[in-house]
Amino acid sequence: MRLGAIDIGSNAARLLISEVVISNNKPVFNKLNLVRVPLRLGFDVFDKKEISPEKATMIINTLQAYKYLLGAYEVQYFKAAATSAMRDASNTADILQQIRNETGIDIEVISGGDEASFIYENHIAEDLDKEHSYLYIDVGGGSTELTFFAESKLVFKESFNIGTIRLIKNQVEEKRWLDMKEFIKKETKGHDSDLVAIGSGGNINKVFSLSKRKDGKPLSLELLKDYYKELGSFSVEDRMRLYNLKEDRADVIVPALQIYINVMRWANTEEIYVPKIGLADGLIQHLFEELVRKGVRF
């Protein structure tokens, strides 16, 4: 069976289409297509507190294209969610109604806590060494979601309004950093010696690709610091040219590294695994589990 997920973030909108097969009584998710459109809603919302008519048209055109792709792939069920920029925009209700009228797609604006939960739906930690605890770090344009997994249990999930676009716009006050620091130090206390980070989001995936590491091998905190200094020493134009980055990646990758580095330092962890998962993957997993509960056969 084919399932789809649409993730409308503060930087980009993604469509993920996966085929689900049951093998040895377990679902296996095979990625068929991933399409990304850099809508950059955060640049509107975090400045003007609303989505402009131009951006609204871009969203509708993107979702119309996604709808055609869902049809072309014969996707039977899909889930659509929007995150930080849509949470903050004053005209979100109007935009959602417009999308519904013109595309027939219902978008759910999810809370930061739900966003963290959907990332955790990937269950990556369950396949890793039970001797360790795991901190999921998902960095987006508008917010950072942290989910902590220890002793085979979900310990906490928390969302902070610290994101790459907010940093570019100088809209993250020092107090927000301090609140995140205190929270991480307090909630991970006692797990310092065995904590491993798991990173998700387009920026950490790109850093992993640049590192030429083999899949399954972690990145060290020191390597992230080196990339932060190296990439930060170049202009956005030079990053695009030297590292073959698209503009909408070249400008956000440095603030993203700043967030990952700070979270890892405060959690006292030296390594981060990058399984190349994101919110869209979590939405697919969540949708699958919803369908199973409803008795849909795979």
C-alpha atoms as a PDB file:
ATOM      1  CA  MET A   1       0.000   0.000   0.000  1.00  0.00           C
ATOM      2  CA  ARG A   2       1.206   3.506  -0.792  1.00  0.00           C
ATOM      3  CA  LEU A   3       1.039   6.302   1.786  1.00  0.00           C
ATOM      4  CA  GLY A   4       1.863   9.979   1.512  1.00  0.00           C
ATOM      5  CA  ALA A   5       2.868  12.809   3.847  1.00  0.00           C
ATOM      6  CA  ILE A   6       2.959  16.556   3.275  1.00  0.00           C
ATOM      7  CA  ASP A   7       5.056  18.650   5.659  1.00  0.00           C
ATOM      8  CA  ILE A   8       4.697  22.432   5.337  1.00  0.00           C
ATOM      9  CA  GLY A   9       7.614  23.849   7.305  1.00  0.00           C
ATOM     10  CA  SER A  10       8.916  27.358   7.834  1.00  0.00           C
ATOM     11  CA  ASN A  11      11.577  26.920   5.154  1.00  0.00           C
ATOM     12  CA  ALA A  12      10.163  24.350   2.733  1.00  0.00           C
ATOM     13  CA  ALA A  13       7.208  22.113   1.922  1.00  0.00           C
ATOM     14  CA  ARG A  14       7.894  18.419   1.402  1.00  0.00           C
ATOM     15  CA  LEU A  15       5.913  15.586  -0.120  1.00  0.00           C
ATOM     16  CA  LEU A  16       7.003  12.063   0.807  1.00  0.00           C
ATOM     17  CA  ILE A  17       5.502   9.024  -0.887  1.00  0.00           C
ATOM     18  CA  SER A  18       6.292   5.600   0.571  1.00  0.00           C
ATOM     19  CA  GLU A  19       5.246   2.043  -0.118  1.00  0.00           C
ATOM     20  CA  VAL A  20       4.473  -0.017   2.968  1.00  0.00           C
ATOM     21  CA  VAL A  21       4.998  -3.787   2.893  1.00  0.00           C
ATOM     22  CA  ILE A  22       4.699  -6.200   5.796  1.00  0.00           C
ATOM     23  CA  SER A  23       7.728  -8.438   6.278  1.00  0.00           C
ATOM     24  CA  ASN A  24       8.008 -10.852   9.239  1.00  0.00           C
ATOM     25  CA  ASN A  25       4.962  -9.125  10.781  1.00  0.00           C
ATOM     26  CA  LYS A  26       6.735  -5.745  10.690  1.00  0.00           C
ATOM     27  CA  PRO A  27       6.098  -2.808   8.371  1.00  0.00           C
ATOM     28  CA  VAL A  28       8.870  -1.877   5.955  1.00  0.00           C
ATOM     29  CA  PHE A  29       8.690   1.647   4.509  1.00  0.00           C
ATOM     30  CA  ASN A  30      10.218   2.029   1.048  1.00  0.00           C
ATOM     31  CA  LYS A  31      10.640   5.644  -0.056  1.00  0.00           C
ATOM     32  CA  LEU A  32       9.323   6.107  -3.601  1.00  0.00           C
ATOM     33  CA  ASN A  33       9.667   9.877  -3.961  1.00  0.00           C
ATOM     34  CA  LEU A  34      10.525  12.964  -1.941  1.00  0.00           C
ATOM     35  CA  VAL A  35       9.772  16.390  -3.413  1.00  0.00           C
ATOM     36  CA  ARG A  36      10.844  19.633  -1.742  1.00  0.00           C
ATOM     37  CA  VAL A  37       9.714  23.160  -2.622  1.00  0.00           C
ATOM     38  CA  PRO A  38      11.403  26.106  -0.798  1.00  0.00           C
ATOM     39  CA  LEU A  39       8.321  28.160   0.132  1.00  0.00           C
ATOM     40  CA  ARG A  40      10.226  30.019   2.884  1.00  0.00           C
ATOM     41  CA  LEU A  41       7.071  30.970   4.798  1.00  0.00           C
ATOM     42  CA  GLY A  42       9.087  31.964   7.852  1.00  0.00           C
ATOM     43  CA  PHE A  43      10.548  34.983   6.089  1.00  0.00           C
ATOM     44  CA  ASP A  44       7.000  36.365   5.815  1.00  0.00           C
ATOM     45  CA  VAL A  45       5.602  35.235   9.118  1.00  0.00           C
ATOM     46  CA  PHE A  46       8.471  35.951  11.512  1.00  0.00           C
ATOM     47  CA  ASP A  47       8.678  39.529  10.126  1.00  0.00           C
ATOM     48  CA  LYS A  48       5.090  40.513   9.345  1.00  0.00           C
ATOM     49  CA  LYS A  49       3.163  37.940  11.412  1.00  0.00           C
ATOM     50  CA  GLU A  50       1.165  36.820   8.386  1.00  0.00           C
ATOM     51  CA  ILE A  51       1.448  34.919   5.113  1.00  0.00           C
ATOM     52  CA  SER A  52       1.426  37.256   2.105  1.00  0.00           C
ATOM     53  CA  PRO A  53      -0.927  36.723  -0.850  1.00  0.00           C
ATOM     54  CA  GLU A  54       2.107  35.830  -2.992  1.00  0.00           C
ATOM     55  CA  LYS A  55       3.181  33.092  -0.564  1.00  0.00           C
ATOM     56  CA  ALA A  56      -0.413  31.868  -0.272  1.00  0.00           C
ATOM     57  CA  THR A  57      -0.492  31.415  -4.058  1.00  0.00           C
ATOM     58  CA  MET A  58       2.827  29.525  -3.895  1.00  0.00           C
ATOM     59  CA  ILE A  59       1.426  27.197  -1.212  1.00  0.00           C
ATOM     60  CA  ILE A  60      -1.704  26.475  -3.252  1.00  0.00           C
ATOM     61  CA  ASN A  61       0.267  25.847  -6.465  1.00  0.00           C
ATOM     62  CA  THR A  62       2.638  23.530  -4.581  1.00  0.00           C
ATOM     63  CA  LEU A  63      -0.183  21.562  -2.968  1.00  0.00           C
ATOM     64  CA  GLN A  64      -2.029  21.272  -6.263  1.00  0.00           C
ATOM     65  CA  ALA A  65       1.126  19.755  -7.781  1.00  0.00           C
ATOM     66  CA  TYR A  66       1.481  17.421  -4.774  1.00  0.00           C
ATOM     67  CA  LYS A  67      -2.139  16.331  -5.213  1.00  0.00           C
ATOM     68  CA  TYR A  68      -1.447  15.363  -8.842  1.00  0.00           C
ATOM     69  CA  LEU A  69       1.640  13.416  -7.761  1.00  0.00           C
ATOM     70  CA  LEU A  70      -0.334  11.582  -5.067  1.00  0.00           C
ATOM     71  CA  GLY A  71      -2.791  10.603  -7.778  1.00  0.00           C
ATOM     72  CA  ALA A  72      -0.074   9.568 -10.231  1.00  0.00           C
ATOM     73  CA  TYR A  73       1.470   7.289  -7.595  1.00  0.00           C
ATOM     74  CA  GLU A  74      -1.971   5.908  -6.671  1.00  0.00           C
ATOM     75  CA  VAL A  75      -1.491   6.847  -3.024  1.00  0.00           C
ATOM     76  CA  GLN A  76      -4.443   5.554  -1.022  1.00  0.00           C
ATOM     77  CA  TYR A  77      -4.014   7.562   2.189  1.00  0.00           C
ATOM     78  CA  PHE A  78      -2.025  10.675   3.062  1.00  0.00           C
ATOM     79  CA  LYS A  79      -1.562  13.091   5.955  1.00  0.00           C
ATOM     80  CA  ALA A  80      -0.736  16.807   5.720  1.00  0.00           C
ATOM     81  CA  ALA A  81       0.683  18.939   8.527  1.00  0.00           C
ATOM     82  CA  ALA A  82       2.068  22.450   8.960  1.00  0.00           C
ATOM     83  CA  THR A  83       4.476  23.625  11.648  1.00  0.00           C
ATOM     84  CA  SER A  84       6.011  26.760  13.160  1.00  0.00           C
ATOM     85  CA  ALA A  85       5.310  29.445  10.514  1.00  0.00           C
ATOM     86  CA  MET A  86       1.676  28.370  10.161  1.00  0.00           C
ATOM     87  CA  ARG A  87       1.386  28.206  13.966  1.00  0.00           C
ATOM     88  CA  ASP A  88       2.487  31.841  14.213  1.00  0.00           C
ATOM     89  CA  ALA A  89       0.711  33.424  11.214  1.00  0.00           C
ATOM     90  CA  SER A  90      -2.316  35.543  12.083  1.00  0.00           C
ATOM     91  CA  ASN A  91      -4.129  34.597   8.849  1.00  0.00           C
ATOM     92  CA  THR A  92      -3.581  30.827   9.018  1.00  0.00           C
ATOM     93  CA  ALA A  93      -7.317  30.016   9.239  1.00  0.00           C
ATOM     94  CA  ASP A  94      -8.003  31.958   6.033  1.00  0.00           C
ATOM     95  CA  ILE A  95      -5.100  30.282   4.225  1.00  0.00           C
ATOM     96  CA  LEU A  96      -6.220  26.806   5.321  1.00  0.00           C
ATOM     97  CA  GLN A  97      -9.740  27.497   4.051  1.00  0.00           C
ATOM     98  CA  GLN A  98      -8.342  28.736   0.739  1.00  0.00           C
ATOM     99  CA  ILE A  99      -6.216  25.580   0.411  1.00  0.00           C
ATOM    100  CA  ARG A 100      -9.227  23.394   1.208  1.00  0.00           C
ATOM    101  CA  ASN A 101     -11.404  25.204  -1.360  1.00  0.00           C
ATOM    102  CA  GLU A 102      -8.848  25.115  -4.170  1.00  0.00           C
ATOM    103  CA  THR A 103      -7.110  21.755  -3.645  1.00  0.00           C
ATOM    104  CA  GLY A 104      -9.412  19.706  -1.419  1.00  0.00           C
ATOM    105  CA  ILE A 105      -6.488  19.095   0.945  1.00  0.00           C
ATOM    106  CA  ASP A 106      -6.983  19.496   4.708  1.00  0.00           C
ATOM    107  CA  ILE A 107      -3.881  20.730   6.505  1.00  0.00           C
ATOM    108  CA  GLU A 108      -3.506  20.155  10.230  1.00  0.00           C
ATOM    109  CA  VAL A 109      -1.459  22.799  12.023  1.00  0.00           C
ATOM    110  CA  ILE A 110       0.353  20.763  14.665  1.00  0.00           C
ATOM    111  CA  SER A 111       1.749  21.988  17.988  1.00  0.00           C
ATOM    112  CA  GLY A 112       5.456  21.913  18.794  1.00  0.00           C
ATOM    113  CA  GLY A 113       4.830  18.957  21.110  1.00  0.00           C
ATOM    114  CA  ASP A 114       3.034  17.053  18.356  1.00  0.00           C
ATOM    115  CA  GLU A 115       5.867  17.851  15.980  1.00  0.00           C
ATOM    116  CA  ALA A 116       8.332  16.304  18.440  1.00  0.00           C
ATOM    117  CA  SER A 117       6.066  13.253  18.764  1.00  0.00           C
ATOM    118  CA  PHE A 118       5.880  12.726  15.012  1.00  0.00           C
ATOM    119  CA  ILE A 119       9.681  12.821  14.771  1.00  0.00           C
ATOM    120  CA  TYR A 120       9.793  10.170  17.513  1.00  0.00           C
ATOM    121  CA  GLU A 121       7.303   8.051  15.516  1.00  0.00           C
ATOM    122  CA  ASN A 122      10.305   6.966  13.439  1.00  0.00           C
ATOM    123  CA  HIS A 123      11.312   4.739  16.384  1.00  0.00           C
ATOM    124  CA  ILE A 124      14.982   4.950  15.421  1.00  0.00           C
ATOM    125  CA  ALA A 125      16.114   4.629  19.059  1.00  0.00           C
ATOM    126  CA  GLU A 126      14.299   1.317  19.456  1.00  0.00           C
ATOM    127  CA  ASP A 127      16.738  -0.276  17.013  1.00  0.00           C
ATOM    128  CA  LEU A 128      19.810   1.088  18.763  1.00  0.00           C
ATOM    129  CA  ASP A 129      21.800  -0.061  21.775  1.00  0.00           C
ATOM    130  CA  LYS A 130      19.521  -0.243  24.865  1.00  0.00           C
ATOM    131  CA  GLU A 131      22.472   0.688  27.079  1.00  0.00           C
ATOM    132  CA  HIS A 132      22.267   4.291  25.888  1.00  0.00           C
ATOM    133  CA  SER A 133      19.726   7.097  26.085  1.00  0.00           C
ATOM    134  CA  TYR A 134      18.884   9.079  22.958  1.00  0.00           C
ATOM    135  CA  LEU A 135      18.080  12.716  22.346  1.00  0.00           C
ATOM    136  CA  TYR A 136      16.281  13.465  19.069  1.00  0.00           C
ATOM    137  CA  ILE A 137      17.149  16.948  17.773  1.00  0.00           C
ATOM    138  CA  ASP A 138      15.007  18.249  14.919  1.00  0.00           C
ATOM    139  CA  VAL A 139      15.964  21.728  13.740  1.00  0.00           C
ATOM    140  CA  GLY A 140      13.576  23.643  11.500  1.00  0.00           C
ATOM    141  CA  GLY A 141      13.193  27.181  10.249  1.00  0.00           C
ATOM    142  CA  GLY A 142      10.931  28.274  13.091  1.00  0.00           C
ATOM    143  CA  SER A 143      11.496  25.857  15.959  1.00  0.00           C
ATOM    144  CA  THR A 144      13.628  23.075  17.384  1.00  0.00           C
ATOM    145  CA  GLU A 145      11.999  19.908  18.692  1.00  0.00           C
ATOM    146  CA  LEU A 146      13.720  17.772  21.323  1.00  0.00           C
ATOM    147  CA  THR A 147      12.592  14.278  22.260  1.00  0.00           C
ATOM    148  CA  PHE A 148      14.405  12.232  24.906  1.00  0.00           C
ATOM    149  CA  PHE A 149      14.324   8.454  25.006  1.00  0.00           C
ATOM    150  CA  ALA A 150      15.872   6.512  27.931  1.00  0.00           C
ATOM    151  CA  GLU A 151      15.501   2.978  29.281  1.00  0.00           C
ATOM    152  CA  SER A 152      13.202   2.134  26.366  1.00  0.00           C
ATOM    153  CA  LYS A 153      10.787   4.906  27.396  1.00  0.00           C
ATOM    154  CA  LEU A 154       9.862   8.357  26.124  1.00  0.00           C
ATOM    155  CA  VAL A 155      11.057  10.726  28.878  1.00  0.00           C
ATOM    156  CA  PHE A 156      10.150  14.121  27.401  1.00  0.00           C
ATOM    157  CA  LYS A 157       9.232  15.959  24.219  1.00  0.00           C
ATOM    158  CA  GLU A 158       9.667  19.711  24.040  1.00  0.00           C
ATOM    159  CA  SER A 159       9.553  22.417  21.383  1.00  0.00           C
ATOM    160  CA  PHE A 160      11.516  25.692  21.456  1.00  0.00           C
ATOM    161  CA  ASN A 161      10.934  28.708  19.192  1.00  0.00           C
ATOM    162  CA  ILE A 162      14.563  28.689  18.105  1.00  0.00           C
ATOM    163  CA  GLY A 163      14.912  28.035  14.392  1.00  0.00           C
ATOM    164  CA  THR A 164      17.216  28.870  11.514  1.00  0.00           C
ATOM    165  CA  ILE A 165      15.058  31.591   9.964  1.00  0.00           C
ATOM    166  CA  ARG A 166      14.339  33.177  13.351  1.00  0.00           C
ATOM    167  CA  LEU A 167      18.126  33.325  13.914  1.00  0.00           C
ATOM    168  CA  ILE A 168      18.735  34.880  10.487  1.00  0.00           C
ATOM    169  CA  LYS A 169      16.080  37.474  11.371  1.00  0.00           C
ATOM    170  CA  ASN A 170      17.705  38.104  14.790  1.00  0.00           C
ATOM    171  CA  GLN A 171      14.468  37.124  16.503  1.00  0.00           C
ATOM    172  CA  VAL A 172      15.848  34.762  19.136  1.00  0.00           C
ATOM    173  CA  GLU A 173      16.392  36.518  22.449  1.00  0.00           C
ATOM    174  CA  GLU A 174      19.113  35.383  24.830  1.00  0.00           C
ATOM    175  CA  LYS A 175      16.444  34.254  27.309  1.00  0.00           C
ATOM    176  CA  ARG A 176      15.190  31.632  24.844  1.00  0.00           C
ATOM    177  CA  TRP A 177      18.673  30.153  24.599  1.00  0.00           C
ATOM    178  CA  LEU A 178      18.986  30.170  28.396  1.00  0.00           C
ATOM    179  CA  ASP A 179      15.579  28.481  28.817  1.00  0.00           C
ATOM    180  CA  MET A 180      16.591  25.748  26.381  1.00  0.00           C
ATOM    181  CA  LYS A 181      19.971  25.304  28.087  1.00  0.00           C
ATOM    182  CA  GLU A 182      18.453  25.002  31.572  1.00  0.00           C
ATOM    183  CA  PHE A 183      15.762  22.601  30.358  1.00  0.00           C
ATOM    184  CA  ILE A 184      18.245  20.282  28.621  1.00  0.00           C
ATOM    185  CA  LYS A 185      20.690  20.245  31.525  1.00  0.00           C
ATOM    186  CA  LYS A 186      17.929  19.549  34.062  1.00  0.00           C
ATOM    187  CA  GLU A 187      15.993  16.930  32.100  1.00  0.00           C
ATOM    188  CA  THR A 188      19.005  14.918  30.887  1.00  0.00           C
ATOM    189  CA  LYS A 189      20.830  14.991  34.232  1.00  0.00           C
ATOM    190  CA  GLY A 190      22.076  11.554  35.217  1.00  0.00           C
ATOM    191  CA  HIS A 191      22.294  10.407  31.606  1.00  0.00           C
ATOM    192  CA  ASP A 192      25.399  12.439  30.697  1.00  0.00           C
ATOM    193  CA  SER A 193      27.666   9.414  30.325  1.00  0.00           C
ATOM    194  CA  ASP A 194      25.425   7.379  28.020  1.00  0.00           C
ATOM    195  CA  LEU A 195      23.546   9.979  25.961  1.00  0.00           C
ATOM    196  CA  VAL A 196      23.681   9.850  22.156  1.00  0.00           C
ATOM    197  CA  ALA A 197      22.082  12.438  19.871  1.00  0.00           C
ATOM    198  CA  ILE A 198      19.949  11.659  16.801  1.00  0.00           C
ATOM    199  CA  GLY A 199      19.662  14.498  14.305  1.00  0.00           C
ATOM    200  CA  SER A 200      16.896  15.112  11.799  1.00  0.00           C
ATOM    201  CA  GLY A 201      16.196  17.864   9.293  1.00  0.00           C
ATOM    202  CA  GLY A 202      17.582  18.911   5.946  1.00  0.00           C
ATOM    203  CA  ASN A 203      20.571  20.790   7.355  1.00  0.00           C
ATOM    204  CA  ILE A 204      22.083  17.966   9.383  1.00  0.00           C
ATOM    205  CA  ASN A 205      21.428  15.627   6.447  1.00  0.00           C
ATOM    206  CA  LYS A 206      23.415  17.994   4.212  1.00  0.00           C
ATOM    207  CA  VAL A 207      26.280  18.196   6.716  1.00  0.00           C
ATOM    208  CA  PHE A 208      26.316  14.395   6.846  1.00  0.00           C
ATOM    209  CA  SER A 209      26.539  14.280   3.030  1.00  0.00           C
ATOM    210  CA  LEU A 210      29.381  16.828   3.036  1.00  0.00           C
ATOM    211  CA  SER A 211      31.260  14.740   5.625  1.00  0.00           C
ATOM    212  CA  LYS A 212      31.321  11.679   3.287  1.00  0.00           C
ATOM    213  CA  ARG A 213      30.652   9.476   6.322  1.00  0.00           C
ATOM    214  CA  LYS A 214      29.244   6.008   5.707  1.00  0.00           C
ATOM    215  CA  ASP A 215      25.567   5.519   6.569  1.00  0.00           C
ATOM    216  CA  GLY A 216      25.167   4.479  10.192  1.00  0.00           C
ATOM    217  CA  LYS A 217      28.338   6.228  11.359  1.00  0.00           C
ATOM    218  CA  PRO A 218      27.906   9.207  13.725  1.00  0.00           C
ATOM    219  CA  LEU A 219      29.222  12.739  13.341  1.00  0.00           C
ATOM    220  CA  SER A 220      31.293  14.106  16.203  1.00  0.00           C
ATOM    221  CA  LEU A 221      30.563  17.379  17.985  1.00  0.00           C
ATOM    222  CA  GLU A 222      34.062  18.540  17.034  1.00  0.00           C
ATOM    223  CA  LEU A 223      33.315  17.952  13.348  1.00  0.00           C
ATOM    224  CA  LEU A 224      30.108  20.009  13.610  1.00  0.00           C
ATOM    225  CA  LYS A 225      32.120  22.822  15.229  1.00  0.00           C
ATOM    226  CA  ASP A 226      34.652  22.642  12.375  1.00  0.00           C
ATOM    227  CA  TYR A 227      31.877  22.892   9.770  1.00  0.00           C
ATOM    228  CA  TYR A 228      30.280  25.778  11.694  1.00  0.00           C
ATOM    229  CA  LYS A 229      33.553  27.747  11.588  1.00  0.00           C
ATOM    230  CA  GLU A 230      34.344  26.767   8.002  1.00  0.00           C
ATOM    231  CA  LEU A 231      30.915  27.456   6.489  1.00  0.00           C
ATOM    232  CA  GLY A 232      30.452  30.557   8.648  1.00  0.00           C
ATOM    233  CA  SER A 233      33.630  32.076   7.204  1.00  0.00           C
ATOM    234  CA  PHE A 234      32.055  32.283   3.728  1.00  0.00           C
ATOM    235  CA  SER A 235      29.246  34.398   2.331  1.00  0.00           C
ATOM    236  CA  VAL A 236      26.009  32.705   1.258  1.00  0.00           C
ATOM    237  CA  GLU A 237      27.090  33.100  -2.394  1.00  0.00           C
ATOM    238  CA  ASP A 238      30.455  31.445  -1.691  1.00  0.00           C
ATOM    239  CA  ARG A 239      28.811  28.595   0.210  1.00  0.00           C
ATOM    240  CA  MET A 240      26.573  27.978  -2.816  1.00  0.00           C
ATOM    241  CA  ARG A 241      29.580  27.907  -5.150  1.00  0.00           C
ATOM    242  CA  LEU A 242      32.117  26.031  -3.016  1.00  0.00           C
ATOM    243  CA  TYR A 243      29.796  23.427  -1.457  1.00  0.00           C
ATOM    244  CA  ASN A 244      27.261  23.131  -4.266  1.00  0.00           C
ATOM    245  CA  LEU A 245      24.419  24.296  -2.004  1.00  0.00           C
ATOM    246  CA  LYS A 246      21.100  25.761  -3.074  1.00  0.00           C
ATOM    247  CA  GLU A 247      20.462  29.291  -1.803  1.00  0.00           C
ATOM    248  CA  ASP A 248      17.695  28.167   0.570  1.00  0.00           C
ATOM    249  CA  ARG A 249      20.144  25.706   2.147  1.00  0.00           C
ATOM    250  CA  ALA A 250      23.241  27.900   2.067  1.00  0.00           C
ATOM    251  CA  ASP A 251      21.727  30.619   4.262  1.00  0.00           C
ATOM    252  CA  VAL A 252      20.221  28.360   6.952  1.00  0.00           C
ATOM    253  CA  ILE A 253      22.930  25.703   7.350  1.00  0.00           C
ATOM    254  CA  VAL A 254      25.150  27.832   9.632  1.00  0.00           C
ATOM    255  CA  PRO A 255      22.414  28.809  12.137  1.00  0.00           C
ATOM    256  CA  ALA A 256      21.275  25.167  12.084  1.00  0.00           C
ATOM    257  CA  LEU A 257      24.768  24.021  13.068  1.00  0.00           C
ATOM    258  CA  GLN A 258      24.745  26.605  15.877  1.00  0.00           C
ATOM    259  CA  ILE A 259      21.584  25.003  17.280  1.00  0.00           C
ATOM    260  CA  TYR A 260      22.831  21.402  16.992  1.00  0.00           C
ATOM    261  CA  ILE A 261      26.157  22.323  18.606  1.00  0.00           C
ATOM    262  CA  ASN A 262      24.527  24.130  21.537  1.00  0.00           C
ATOM    263  CA  VAL A 263      22.044  21.328  22.212  1.00  0.00           C
ATOM    264  CA  MET A 264      24.790  18.683  22.093  1.00  0.00           C
ATOM    265  CA  ARG A 265      27.050  20.714  24.398  1.00  0.00           C
ATOM    266  CA  TRP A 266      24.275  21.218  26.939  1.00  0.00           C
ATOM    267  CA  ALA A 267      23.309  17.550  26.803  1.00  0.00           C
ATOM    268  CA  ASN A 268      26.984  16.664  27.207  1.00  0.00           C
ATOM    269  CA  THR A 269      27.064  14.342  24.197  1.00  0.00           C
ATOM    270  CA  GLU A 270      29.931  13.973  21.754  1.00  0.00           C
ATOM    271  CA  GLU A 271      28.225  12.181  18.853  1.00  0.00           C
ATOM    272  CA  ILE A 272      25.153  12.577  16.678  1.00  0.00           C
ATOM    273  CA  TYR A 273      23.645   9.926  14.397  1.00  0.00           C
ATOM    274  CA  VAL A 274      21.955  11.119  11.211  1.00  0.00           C
ATOM    275  CA  PRO A 275      19.470   8.485   9.992  1.00  0.00           C
ATOM    276  CA  LYS A 276      18.080  10.870   7.309  1.00  0.00           C
ATOM    277  CA  ILE A 277      14.584  11.002   8.732  1.00  0.00           C
ATOM    278  CA  GLY A 278      12.287  13.976   9.216  1.00  0.00           C
ATOM    279  CA  LEU A 279       8.781  15.042  10.076  1.00  0.00           C
ATOM    280  CA  ALA A 280       7.366  13.609   6.834  1.00  0.00           C
ATOM    281  CA  ASP A 281       8.749  10.165   7.723  1.00  0.00           C
ATOM    282  CA  GLY A 282       7.139  10.408  11.156  1.00  0.00           C
ATOM    283  CA  LEU A 283       3.809  11.420   9.589  1.00  0.00           C
ATOM    284  CA  ILE A 284       3.905   8.307   7.372  1.00  0.00           C
ATOM    285  CA  GLN A 285       4.600   6.088  10.394  1.00  0.00           C
ATOM    286  CA  HIS A 286       1.818   7.765  12.371  1.00  0.00           C
ATOM    287  CA  LEU A 287      -0.615   7.381   9.468  1.00  0.00           C
ATOM    288  CA  PHE A 288       0.255   3.687   9.158  1.00  0.00           C
ATOM    289  CA  GLU A 289      -0.427   3.098  12.864  1.00  0.00           C
ATOM    290  CA  GLU A 290      -3.707   5.034  12.637  1.00  0.00           C
ATOM    291  CA  LEU A 291      -4.838   2.869   9.720  1.00  0.00           C
ATOM    292  CA  VAL A 292      -3.869  -0.350  11.521  1.00  0.00           C
ATOM    293  CA  ARG A 293      -5.971   0.722  14.530  1.00  0.00           C
ATOM    294  CA  LYS A 294      -8.899   1.298  12.175  1.00  0.00           C
ATOM    295  CA  GLY A 295      -8.544  -2.230  10.828  1.00  0.00           C
ATOM    296  CA  VAL A 296      -7.139  -1.371   7.404  1.00  0.00           C
ATOM    297  CA  ARG A 297      -5.307  -4.398   5.979  1.00  0.00           C
ATOM    298  CA  PHE A 298      -1.836  -4.064   4.488  1.00  0.00           C
END
